[in-house]
Amino acid sequence: MFRKILVPLDGSQISERALQIAQQILPRTNPELFLVHVVDPSRESAAHMHRTYLDGLAESSRQHLSRESSKTQQATKVIPVLLHGDPATEVINFSQKNDISLVIMSTRNRTGIRRWALGSVSEKVYRQTMCSCILIGAEGDSKTTQAGMGVGRILVPIGRTGNEREFLSYVNAFDTRIISEVIFLQAVPQIVSIDEEEYQKVAHEFTESAYADRLEQSRKEEALKHLSTFTNVVKGKGIATTAVAVVGSTVDSILKYAREANIDLIALPAEGQTAFGHWILGKLAKTLLREGKTPVLIVKPLKPV
């Protein structure tokens, strides 16, 4: 699916984490990789420094990918692109003109060669481009999976009202060449009070605590039944799947599971667009990026062919 990948770079280590993820995807799918760096026109005198920085990263990426491509017999094109102007505007325009299918970028960074606020830039890029994005929070993990093995395990949260039609709009992003397992997770609310009238019907069998546990278990079973719809879709693509139902809030459950299960990527569908056609970066995605360490893949609907 991802034929052309763009990684915006600003000279900082956090922005280069995005390049690590790109290098995990590339050997298996062989798209073109564009490394984009934007120079402020007021700093043209230092343009040669920016070019040296960008060319150095491109060459090291080529060497890394050359080693991996020898295993897959595929060669990956790494294209350094030095632009001049406003970072967000230039990245957005380049993405649109070159039919980029995936942007991988870090967020909330204020250091590096240019010292532009990548947090504001990344949100503008996400909102105004049509391609899917992998976003990495400021505290994002720098761990890598086994060389050439792709992004590994993807966690897909599913809401209680989620339906198959919405899911199918972005399931095609799951490429069997870069993913080892998809874990579907649904959080069910904790029982904080019970219906006294209903409880009295079974009070001779259960204590209140045991009755509450029984209700929570019933909710989890319903959630697993709901998740089976999604696991069946992905199994049809030949990808290993797991369904998980946990008790707790959605955000806390996702963060905890991603941390404890060593998840490589959390996948969410895009939440929709504004009246001006800009994509909305939802509250859940923002919270996961702010509080978690796992990169977040936000998949926008595929363009009509």
C-alpha atoms as a PDB file:
ATOM      1  CA  MET A   1       0.000   0.000   0.000  1.00  0.00           C
ATOM      2  CA  PHE A   2       2.719   2.473   0.921  1.00  0.00           C
ATOM      3  CA  ARG A   3       4.482   3.122  -2.408  1.00  0.00           C
ATOM      4  CA  LYS A   4       6.080   6.436  -1.469  1.00  0.00           C
ATOM      5  CA  ILE A   5       7.159   7.284   2.080  1.00  0.00           C
ATOM      6  CA  LEU A   6       8.126  10.775   3.241  1.00  0.00           C
ATOM      7  CA  VAL A   7      10.116  11.487   6.411  1.00  0.00           C
ATOM      8  CA  PRO A   8      10.433  15.178   7.422  1.00  0.00           C
ATOM      9  CA  LEU A   9      13.714  15.838   9.239  1.00  0.00           C
ATOM     10  CA  ASP A  10      14.855  18.890  11.193  1.00  0.00           C
ATOM     11  CA  GLY A  11      18.270  17.836  12.451  1.00  0.00           C
ATOM     12  CA  SER A  12      17.134  16.483  15.817  1.00  0.00           C
ATOM     13  CA  GLN A  13      17.351  12.947  17.197  1.00  0.00           C
ATOM     14  CA  ILE A  14      13.610  12.765  17.782  1.00  0.00           C
ATOM     15  CA  SER A  15      12.848  13.542  14.135  1.00  0.00           C
ATOM     16  CA  GLU A  16      15.282  10.803  13.110  1.00  0.00           C
ATOM     17  CA  ARG A  17      13.278   8.206  15.062  1.00  0.00           C
ATOM     18  CA  ALA A  18      10.849   8.412  12.169  1.00  0.00           C
ATOM     19  CA  LEU A  19      13.641   7.291   9.863  1.00  0.00           C
ATOM     20  CA  GLN A  20      14.194   4.188  11.988  1.00  0.00           C
ATOM     21  CA  ILE A  21      10.570   3.151  11.475  1.00  0.00           C
ATOM     22  CA  ALA A  22      10.825   3.813   7.747  1.00  0.00           C
ATOM     23  CA  GLN A  23      13.884   1.589   7.568  1.00  0.00           C
ATOM     24  CA  GLN A  24      11.919  -1.232   9.211  1.00  0.00           C
ATOM     25  CA  ILE A  25       9.175  -0.999   6.578  1.00  0.00           C
ATOM     26  CA  LEU A  26      11.258  -0.408   3.465  1.00  0.00           C
ATOM     27  CA  PRO A  27      13.176  -3.684   2.950  1.00  0.00           C
ATOM     28  CA  ARG A  28       9.942  -5.685   2.790  1.00  0.00           C
ATOM     29  CA  THR A  29       7.808  -3.353   0.636  1.00  0.00           C
ATOM     30  CA  ASN A  30      10.410  -1.504  -1.467  1.00  0.00           C
ATOM     31  CA  PRO A  31       8.738   1.895  -1.830  1.00  0.00           C
ATOM     32  CA  GLU A  32      10.595   5.111  -2.538  1.00  0.00           C
ATOM     33  CA  LEU A  33      11.846   6.964   0.536  1.00  0.00           C
ATOM     34  CA  PHE A  34      11.967  10.759   0.480  1.00  0.00           C
ATOM     35  CA  LEU A  35      13.985  12.466   3.220  1.00  0.00           C
ATOM     36  CA  VAL A  36      12.765  16.057   3.340  1.00  0.00           C
ATOM     37  CA  HIS A  37      14.492  18.925   5.099  1.00  0.00           C
ATOM     38  CA  VAL A  38      13.265  22.527   4.889  1.00  0.00           C
ATOM     39  CA  VAL A  39      15.574  25.543   5.099  1.00  0.00           C
ATOM     40  CA  ASP A  40      14.280  28.895   6.323  1.00  0.00           C
ATOM     41  CA  PRO A  41      15.023  31.490   3.585  1.00  0.00           C
ATOM     42  CA  SER A  42      16.520  33.753   6.264  1.00  0.00           C
ATOM     43  CA  ARG A  43      19.213  31.109   6.882  1.00  0.00           C
ATOM     44  CA  GLU A  44      20.270  30.533   3.277  1.00  0.00           C
ATOM     45  CA  SER A  45      23.878  31.259   4.236  1.00  0.00           C
ATOM     46  CA  ALA A  46      23.913  27.951   6.122  1.00  0.00           C
ATOM     47  CA  ALA A  47      22.213  25.976   3.352  1.00  0.00           C
ATOM     48  CA  HIS A  48      25.373  23.943   2.719  1.00  0.00           C
ATOM     49  CA  MET A  49      25.214  22.670   6.320  1.00  0.00           C
ATOM     50  CA  HIS A  50      21.660  21.516   5.782  1.00  0.00           C
ATOM     51  CA  ARG A  51      22.594  19.808   2.512  1.00  0.00           C
ATOM     52  CA  THR A  52      25.524  18.039   4.189  1.00  0.00           C
ATOM     53  CA  TYR A  53      23.247  16.864   7.017  1.00  0.00           C
ATOM     54  CA  LEU A  54      20.586  15.593   4.626  1.00  0.00           C
ATOM     55  CA  ASP A  55      22.993  13.887   2.234  1.00  0.00           C
ATOM     56  CA  GLY A  56      24.706  12.176   5.170  1.00  0.00           C
ATOM     57  CA  LEU A  57      21.427  10.695   6.414  1.00  0.00           C
ATOM     58  CA  ALA A  58      20.469   9.629   2.907  1.00  0.00           C
ATOM     59  CA  GLU A  59      23.776   7.829   2.399  1.00  0.00           C
ATOM     60  CA  SER A  60      23.620   6.029   5.754  1.00  0.00           C
ATOM     61  CA  SER A  61      20.032   4.976   4.933  1.00  0.00           C
ATOM     62  CA  ARG A  62      21.133   3.645   1.542  1.00  0.00           C
ATOM     63  CA  GLN A  63      23.883   1.606   3.161  1.00  0.00           C
ATOM     64  CA  HIS A  64      21.503   0.182   5.762  1.00  0.00           C
ATOM     65  CA  LEU A  65      18.850  -0.631   3.168  1.00  0.00           C
ATOM     66  CA  SER A  66      21.421  -2.053   0.765  1.00  0.00           C
ATOM     67  CA  ARG A  67      22.378  -4.633   3.376  1.00  0.00           C
ATOM     68  CA  GLU A  68      18.735  -5.540   3.865  1.00  0.00           C
ATOM     69  CA  SER A  69      17.868  -5.535   0.166  1.00  0.00           C
ATOM     70  CA  SER A  70      20.594  -8.122  -0.432  1.00  0.00           C
ATOM     71  CA  LYS A  71      18.399 -10.492   1.598  1.00  0.00           C
ATOM     72  CA  THR A  72      15.206  -9.627  -0.275  1.00  0.00           C
ATOM     73  CA  GLN A  73      16.818  -8.991  -3.691  1.00  0.00           C
ATOM     74  CA  GLN A  74      15.158  -5.580  -3.843  1.00  0.00           C
ATOM     75  CA  ALA A  75      16.764  -2.159  -4.047  1.00  0.00           C
ATOM     76  CA  THR A  76      15.215   0.839  -2.299  1.00  0.00           C
ATOM     77  CA  LYS A  77      15.498   4.363  -3.663  1.00  0.00           C
ATOM     78  CA  VAL A  78      16.416   6.973  -1.027  1.00  0.00           C
ATOM     79  CA  ILE A  79      15.892  10.509  -2.282  1.00  0.00           C
ATOM     80  CA  PRO A  80      17.100  13.514  -0.224  1.00  0.00           C
ATOM     81  CA  VAL A  81      15.019  16.630  -0.817  1.00  0.00           C
ATOM     82  CA  LEU A  82      16.115  20.082   0.372  1.00  0.00           C
ATOM     83  CA  LEU A  83      13.316  22.643   0.262  1.00  0.00           C
ATOM     84  CA  HIS A  84      13.199  26.337   1.106  1.00  0.00           C
ATOM     85  CA  GLY A  85      10.384  28.141   2.891  1.00  0.00           C
ATOM     86  CA  ASP A  86       7.858  27.402   5.637  1.00  0.00           C
ATOM     87  CA  PRO A  87       8.313  23.792   6.870  1.00  0.00           C
ATOM     88  CA  ALA A  88       4.643  22.799   7.040  1.00  0.00           C
ATOM     89  CA  THR A  89       3.731  24.426   3.728  1.00  0.00           C
ATOM     90  CA  GLU A  90       6.672  22.909   1.877  1.00  0.00           C
ATOM     91  CA  VAL A  91       6.113  19.393   3.240  1.00  0.00           C
ATOM     92  CA  ILE A  92       2.393  19.560   2.449  1.00  0.00           C
ATOM     93  CA  ASN A  93       2.990  20.812  -1.107  1.00  0.00           C
ATOM     94  CA  PHE A  94       5.688  18.213  -1.763  1.00  0.00           C
ATOM     95  CA  SER A  95       3.447  15.436  -0.450  1.00  0.00           C
ATOM     96  CA  GLN A  96       0.571  16.446  -2.707  1.00  0.00           C
ATOM     97  CA  LYS A  97       2.678  16.969  -5.833  1.00  0.00           C
ATOM     98  CA  ASN A  98       4.499  13.658  -5.467  1.00  0.00           C
ATOM     99  CA  ASP A  99       1.551  11.454  -4.488  1.00  0.00           C
ATOM    100  CA  ILE A 100       3.066  10.444  -1.138  1.00  0.00           C
ATOM    101  CA  SER A 101       1.186   7.530   0.447  1.00  0.00           C
ATOM    102  CA  LEU A 102       2.679   7.617   3.975  1.00  0.00           C
ATOM    103  CA  VAL A 103       4.310  10.337   6.086  1.00  0.00           C
ATOM    104  CA  ILE A 104       6.314   9.253   9.142  1.00  0.00           C
ATOM    105  CA  MET A 105       7.114  12.107  11.514  1.00  0.00           C
ATOM    106  CA  SER A 106       7.854  12.960  15.114  1.00  0.00           C
ATOM    107  CA  THR A 107       5.867  15.498  17.097  1.00  0.00           C
ATOM    108  CA  ARG A 108       6.392  18.275  19.632  1.00  0.00           C
ATOM    109  CA  ASN A 109      10.041  18.982  18.984  1.00  0.00           C
ATOM    110  CA  ARG A 110      11.731  22.374  19.332  1.00  0.00           C
ATOM    111  CA  THR A 111      15.380  21.597  18.759  1.00  0.00           C
ATOM    112  CA  GLY A 112      17.649  20.753  15.884  1.00  0.00           C
ATOM    113  CA  ILE A 113      19.280  22.620  13.016  1.00  0.00           C
ATOM    114  CA  ARG A 114      16.240  24.732  12.212  1.00  0.00           C
ATOM    115  CA  ARG A 115      14.573  24.938  15.628  1.00  0.00           C
ATOM    116  CA  TRP A 116      11.115  24.899  14.102  1.00  0.00           C
ATOM    117  CA  ALA A 117       8.359  23.473  16.272  1.00  0.00           C
ATOM    118  CA  LEU A 118       7.814  20.063  14.703  1.00  0.00           C
ATOM    119  CA  GLY A 119       4.773  19.579  16.907  1.00  0.00           C
ATOM    120  CA  SER A 120       2.852  22.324  15.137  1.00  0.00           C
ATOM    121  CA  VAL A 121       4.331  21.339  11.769  1.00  0.00           C
ATOM    122  CA  SER A 122       3.389  17.670  12.130  1.00  0.00           C
ATOM    123  CA  GLU A 123      -0.214  18.495  13.012  1.00  0.00           C
ATOM    124  CA  LYS A 124      -0.526  20.836  10.033  1.00  0.00           C
ATOM    125  CA  VAL A 125       0.948  18.180   7.757  1.00  0.00           C
ATOM    126  CA  TYR A 126      -1.425  15.567   9.133  1.00  0.00           C
ATOM    127  CA  ARG A 127      -4.454  17.830   8.772  1.00  0.00           C
ATOM    128  CA  GLN A 128      -3.781  18.994   5.228  1.00  0.00           C
ATOM    129  CA  THR A 129      -2.432  15.925   3.435  1.00  0.00           C
ATOM    130  CA  MET A 130      -4.502  13.045   2.087  1.00  0.00           C
ATOM    131  CA  CYS A 131      -1.992  10.329   2.960  1.00  0.00           C
ATOM    132  CA  SER A 132      -1.837   8.175   6.066  1.00  0.00           C
ATOM    133  CA  CYS A 133       0.611   9.156   8.808  1.00  0.00           C
ATOM    134  CA  ILE A 134       2.698   7.474  11.468  1.00  0.00           C
ATOM    135  CA  LEU A 135       3.174   9.919  14.355  1.00  0.00           C
ATOM    136  CA  ILE A 136       5.776   9.523  17.089  1.00  0.00           C
ATOM    137  CA  GLY A 137       5.345  11.333  20.403  1.00  0.00           C
ATOM    138  CA  ALA A 138       8.137  13.273  22.090  1.00  0.00           C
ATOM    139  CA  GLU A 139       8.654  10.321  24.450  1.00  0.00           C
ATOM    140  CA  GLY A 140       8.364   7.796  21.662  1.00  0.00           C
ATOM    141  CA  ASP A 141      10.315   4.572  21.872  1.00  0.00           C
ATOM    142  CA  SER A 142      13.490   4.324  19.833  1.00  0.00           C
ATOM    143  CA  LYS A 143      13.448   0.518  19.884  1.00  0.00           C
ATOM    144  CA  THR A 144      13.680  -1.280  16.597  1.00  0.00           C
ATOM    145  CA  THR A 145      12.419  -4.662  15.537  1.00  0.00           C
ATOM    146  CA  GLN A 146      14.633  -7.338  14.039  1.00  0.00           C
ATOM    147  CA  ALA A 147      16.345  -5.996  10.941  1.00  0.00           C
ATOM    148  CA  GLY A 148      14.180  -6.253   7.867  1.00  0.00           C
ATOM    149  CA  MET A 149      11.239  -7.713   9.738  1.00  0.00           C
ATOM    150  CA  GLY A 150       8.904  -4.737   9.460  1.00  0.00           C
ATOM    151  CA  VAL A 151       6.940  -3.100  12.259  1.00  0.00           C
ATOM    152  CA  GLY A 152       5.944  -6.382  13.911  1.00  0.00           C
ATOM    153  CA  ARG A 153       2.926  -6.220  16.202  1.00  0.00           C
ATOM    154  CA  ILE A 154       0.111  -3.724  15.651  1.00  0.00           C
ATOM    155  CA  LEU A 155      -2.516  -2.895  18.262  1.00  0.00           C
ATOM    156  CA  VAL A 156      -5.920  -1.879  16.891  1.00  0.00           C
ATOM    157  CA  PRO A 157      -8.371  -0.468  19.448  1.00  0.00           C
ATOM    158  CA  ILE A 158     -12.007  -1.115  18.553  1.00  0.00           C
ATOM    159  CA  GLY A 159     -14.834   0.818  20.180  1.00  0.00           C
ATOM    160  CA  ARG A 160     -18.077  -0.769  21.257  1.00  0.00           C
ATOM    161  CA  THR A 161     -19.850   1.022  18.412  1.00  0.00           C
ATOM    162  CA  GLY A 162     -17.174   0.205  15.822  1.00  0.00           C
ATOM    163  CA  ASN A 163     -18.531  -1.519  12.741  1.00  0.00           C
ATOM    164  CA  GLU A 164     -17.066  -3.643   9.991  1.00  0.00           C
ATOM    165  CA  ARG A 165     -17.714  -1.110   7.237  1.00  0.00           C
ATOM    166  CA  GLU A 166     -15.623   1.574   8.963  1.00  0.00           C
ATOM    167  CA  PHE A 167     -12.874  -0.927   9.684  1.00  0.00           C
ATOM    168  CA  LEU A 168     -12.675  -2.183   6.119  1.00  0.00           C
ATOM    169  CA  SER A 169     -11.890   1.364   4.970  1.00  0.00           C
ATOM    170  CA  TYR A 170      -8.417   1.052   6.456  1.00  0.00           C
ATOM    171  CA  VAL A 171      -7.717  -2.650   6.868  1.00  0.00           C
ATOM    172  CA  ASN A 172      -5.832  -2.629   3.556  1.00  0.00           C
ATOM    173  CA  ALA A 173      -3.025  -0.756   5.302  1.00  0.00           C
ATOM    174  CA  PHE A 174      -2.097  -4.023   7.028  1.00  0.00           C
ATOM    175  CA  ASP A 175       0.549  -5.493   4.759  1.00  0.00           C
ATOM    176  CA  THR A 176       1.512  -9.121   5.368  1.00  0.00           C
ATOM    177  CA  ARG A 177       5.091  -8.277   4.415  1.00  0.00           C
ATOM    178  CA  ILE A 178       5.645  -5.881   7.332  1.00  0.00           C
ATOM    179  CA  ILE A 179       3.295  -7.102  10.065  1.00  0.00           C
ATOM    180  CA  SER A 180       3.638 -10.242  12.157  1.00  0.00           C
ATOM    181  CA  GLU A 181       0.452  -9.903  14.247  1.00  0.00           C
ATOM    182  CA  VAL A 182      -2.584  -7.651  14.667  1.00  0.00           C
ATOM    183  CA  ILE A 183      -4.086  -7.425  18.160  1.00  0.00           C
ATOM    184  CA  PHE A 184      -7.628  -6.098  18.412  1.00  0.00           C
ATOM    185  CA  LEU A 185      -8.445  -4.590  21.775  1.00  0.00           C
ATOM    186  CA  GLN A 186     -11.743  -3.447  23.245  1.00  0.00           C
ATOM    187  CA  ALA A 187     -12.056  -1.861  26.668  1.00  0.00           C
ATOM    188  CA  VAL A 188     -15.214  -2.500  28.666  1.00  0.00           C
ATOM    189  CA  PRO A 189     -16.270  -0.249  31.555  1.00  0.00           C
ATOM    190  CA  GLN A 190     -15.710  -1.395  35.082  1.00  0.00           C
ATOM    191  CA  ILE A 191     -18.805  -2.228  37.143  1.00  0.00           C
ATOM    192  CA  VAL A 192     -19.062   0.558  39.728  1.00  0.00           C
ATOM    193  CA  SER A 193     -22.619  -0.166  40.863  1.00  0.00           C
ATOM    194  CA  ILE A 194     -25.131  -2.944  40.395  1.00  0.00           C
ATOM    195  CA  ASP A 195     -28.874  -2.951  39.948  1.00  0.00           C
ATOM    196  CA  GLU A 196     -30.121  -3.961  43.391  1.00  0.00           C
ATOM    197  CA  GLU A 197     -33.358  -5.397  42.057  1.00  0.00           C
ATOM    198  CA  GLU A 198     -31.522  -7.605  39.566  1.00  0.00           C
ATOM    199  CA  TYR A 199     -29.000  -8.660  42.159  1.00  0.00           C
ATOM    200  CA  GLN A 200     -31.694  -9.824  44.599  1.00  0.00           C
ATOM    201  CA  LYS A 201     -32.783 -12.380  42.015  1.00  0.00           C
ATOM    202  CA  VAL A 202     -29.436 -14.152  42.349  1.00  0.00           C
ATOM    203  CA  ALA A 203     -28.376 -13.059  45.857  1.00  0.00           C
ATOM    204  CA  HIS A 204     -28.679 -16.626  47.084  1.00  0.00           C
ATOM    205  CA  GLU A 205     -25.963 -17.673  44.591  1.00  0.00           C
ATOM    206  CA  PHE A 206     -23.501 -14.749  44.562  1.00  0.00           C
ATOM    207  CA  THR A 207     -22.088 -12.147  46.824  1.00  0.00           C
ATOM    208  CA  GLU A 208     -22.289  -8.590  45.437  1.00  0.00           C
ATOM    209  CA  SER A 209     -18.612  -8.727  44.547  1.00  0.00           C
ATOM    210  CA  ALA A 210     -18.971 -12.041  42.724  1.00  0.00           C
ATOM    211  CA  TYR A 211     -22.052 -10.746  40.914  1.00  0.00           C
ATOM    212  CA  ALA A 212     -20.131  -7.671  39.731  1.00  0.00           C
ATOM    213  CA  ASP A 213     -17.312  -9.917  38.522  1.00  0.00           C
ATOM    214  CA  ARG A 214     -19.847 -12.007  36.642  1.00  0.00           C
ATOM    215  CA  LEU A 215     -21.253  -8.906  34.905  1.00  0.00           C
ATOM    216  CA  GLU A 216     -17.762  -7.761  33.916  1.00  0.00           C
ATOM    217  CA  GLN A 217     -16.978 -11.192  32.524  1.00  0.00           C
ATOM    218  CA  SER A 218     -20.198 -11.112  30.532  1.00  0.00           C
ATOM    219  CA  ARG A 219     -19.210  -7.750  29.070  1.00  0.00           C
ATOM    220  CA  LYS A 220     -15.805  -9.106  28.116  1.00  0.00           C
ATOM    221  CA  GLU A 221     -17.396 -12.090  26.382  1.00  0.00           C
ATOM    222  CA  GLU A 222     -19.668  -9.761  24.415  1.00  0.00           C
ATOM    223  CA  ALA A 223     -16.635  -7.675  23.452  1.00  0.00           C
ATOM    224  CA  LEU A 224     -14.734 -10.739  22.229  1.00  0.00           C
ATOM    225  CA  LYS A 225     -17.730 -11.755  20.134  1.00  0.00           C
ATOM    226  CA  HIS A 226     -17.784  -8.259  18.640  1.00  0.00           C
ATOM    227  CA  LEU A 227     -14.039  -8.395  17.927  1.00  0.00           C
ATOM    228  CA  SER A 228     -14.365 -11.707  16.083  1.00  0.00           C
ATOM    229  CA  THR A 229     -15.839  -9.772  13.155  1.00  0.00           C
ATOM    230  CA  PHE A 230     -12.572  -7.884  12.764  1.00  0.00           C
ATOM    231  CA  THR A 231     -10.221 -10.799  13.429  1.00  0.00           C
ATOM    232  CA  ASN A 232     -11.943 -12.805  10.705  1.00  0.00           C
ATOM    233  CA  VAL A 233     -11.315 -10.010   8.178  1.00  0.00           C
ATOM    234  CA  VAL A 234      -7.586  -9.864   8.938  1.00  0.00           C
ATOM    235  CA  LYS A 235      -7.166 -13.632   9.101  1.00  0.00           C
ATOM    236  CA  GLY A 236      -8.426 -13.653   5.535  1.00  0.00           C
ATOM    237  CA  LYS A 237      -5.325 -11.623   4.619  1.00  0.00           C
ATOM    238  CA  GLY A 238      -3.055 -14.250   6.142  1.00  0.00           C
ATOM    239  CA  ILE A 239      -2.044 -12.222   9.192  1.00  0.00           C
ATOM    240  CA  ALA A 240      -1.975 -13.655  12.714  1.00  0.00           C
ATOM    241  CA  THR A 241      -4.613 -12.041  14.937  1.00  0.00           C
ATOM    242  CA  THR A 242      -5.493 -11.865  18.618  1.00  0.00           C
ATOM    243  CA  ALA A 243      -8.641 -10.487  20.289  1.00  0.00           C
ATOM    244  CA  VAL A 244      -8.315  -8.929  23.736  1.00  0.00           C
ATOM    245  CA  ALA A 245     -11.063  -7.583  26.002  1.00  0.00           C
ATOM    246  CA  VAL A 246      -9.983  -5.704  29.116  1.00  0.00           C
ATOM    247  CA  VAL A 247     -11.801  -3.862  31.889  1.00  0.00           C
ATOM    248  CA  GLY A 248     -10.987  -0.175  32.215  1.00  0.00           C
ATOM    249  CA  SER A 249     -10.992   3.121  30.358  1.00  0.00           C
ATOM    250  CA  THR A 250     -10.096   3.090  26.667  1.00  0.00           C
ATOM    251  CA  VAL A 251      -6.981   5.259  26.948  1.00  0.00           C
ATOM    252  CA  ASP A 252      -5.571   3.558  30.045  1.00  0.00           C
ATOM    253  CA  SER A 253      -6.222   0.116  28.578  1.00  0.00           C
ATOM    254  CA  ILE A 254      -4.455   0.945  25.304  1.00  0.00           C
ATOM    255  CA  LEU A 255      -1.454   2.518  27.019  1.00  0.00           C
ATOM    256  CA  LYS A 256      -1.068  -0.349  29.481  1.00  0.00           C
ATOM    257  CA  TYR A 257      -1.433  -3.104  26.892  1.00  0.00           C
ATOM    258  CA  ALA A 258       0.917  -1.399  24.421  1.00  0.00           C
ATOM    259  CA  ARG A 259       3.552  -1.089  27.133  1.00  0.00           C
ATOM    260  CA  GLU A 260       3.230  -4.582  28.603  1.00  0.00           C
ATOM    261  CA  ALA A 261       2.830  -6.455  25.321  1.00  0.00           C
ATOM    262  CA  ASN A 262       5.720  -4.646  23.594  1.00  0.00           C
ATOM    263  CA  ILE A 263       3.507  -3.322  20.790  1.00  0.00           C
ATOM    264  CA  ASP A 264       5.330  -1.742  17.827  1.00  0.00           C
ATOM    265  CA  LEU A 265       2.506   0.389  16.446  1.00  0.00           C
ATOM    266  CA  ILE A 266      -1.008   1.486  17.421  1.00  0.00           C
ATOM    267  CA  ALA A 267      -3.351   1.832  14.434  1.00  0.00           C
ATOM    268  CA  LEU A 268      -6.347   4.163  14.375  1.00  0.00           C
ATOM    269  CA  PRO A 269      -8.696   5.215  11.579  1.00  0.00           C
ATOM    270  CA  ALA A 270      -8.793   8.918  10.726  1.00  0.00           C
ATOM    271  CA  GLU A 271     -11.684  10.608  12.516  1.00  0.00           C
ATOM    272  CA  GLY A 272     -12.977  12.674   9.603  1.00  0.00           C
ATOM    273  CA  GLN A 273     -12.598  16.082   8.033  1.00  0.00           C
ATOM    274  CA  THR A 274     -13.636  19.650   8.775  1.00  0.00           C
ATOM    275  CA  ALA A 275     -15.805  21.738   6.488  1.00  0.00           C
ATOM    276  CA  PHE A 276     -12.567  23.006   4.922  1.00  0.00           C
ATOM    277  CA  GLY A 277     -11.408  19.469   4.092  1.00  0.00           C
ATOM    278  CA  HIS A 278      -8.758  19.330   6.829  1.00  0.00           C
ATOM    279  CA  TRP A 279      -8.341  16.058   8.690  1.00  0.00           C
ATOM    280  CA  ILE A 280      -9.101  16.000  12.412  1.00  0.00           C
ATOM    281  CA  LEU A 281      -6.433  14.753  14.803  1.00  0.00           C
ATOM    282  CA  GLY A 282      -8.698  13.195  17.415  1.00  0.00           C
ATOM    283  CA  LYS A 283      -8.496  13.340  21.184  1.00  0.00           C
ATOM    284  CA  LEU A 284      -7.550   9.659  21.478  1.00  0.00           C
ATOM    285  CA  ALA A 285      -4.597  10.007  19.100  1.00  0.00           C
ATOM    286  CA  LYS A 286      -3.366  13.146  20.845  1.00  0.00           C
ATOM    287  CA  THR A 287      -3.557  11.475  24.257  1.00  0.00           C
ATOM    288  CA  LEU A 288      -1.708   8.359  23.076  1.00  0.00           C
ATOM    289  CA  LEU A 289       1.044  10.530  21.585  1.00  0.00           C
ATOM    290  CA  ARG A 290       1.296  12.685  24.690  1.00  0.00           C
ATOM    291  CA  GLU A 291       1.234   9.925  27.309  1.00  0.00           C
ATOM    292  CA  GLY A 292       2.495   6.841  25.501  1.00  0.00           C
ATOM    293  CA  LYS A 293       5.716   5.709  23.875  1.00  0.00           C
ATOM    294  CA  THR A 294       4.281   3.704  20.989  1.00  0.00           C
ATOM    295  CA  PRO A 295       4.088   5.293  17.511  1.00  0.00           C
ATOM    296  CA  VAL A 296       0.557   5.818  16.199  1.00  0.00           C
ATOM    297  CA  LEU A 297      -0.476   4.978  12.640  1.00  0.00           C
ATOM    298  CA  ILE A 298      -3.500   6.999  11.542  1.00  0.00           C
ATOM    299  CA  VAL A 299      -4.960   5.601   8.333  1.00  0.00           C
ATOM    300  CA  LYS A 300      -6.943   7.816   6.006  1.00  0.00           C
ATOM    301  CA  PRO A 301      -9.310   6.290   3.444  1.00  0.00           C
ATOM    302  CA  LEU A 302      -7.683   5.107   0.275  1.00  0.00           C
ATOM    303  CA  LYS A 303      -7.882   7.436  -2.707  1.00  0.00           C
ATOM    304  CA  PRO A 304     -10.319   6.300  -5.411  1.00  0.00           C
ATOM    305  CA  VAL A 305      -8.492   4.414  -8.165  1.00  0.00           C
END
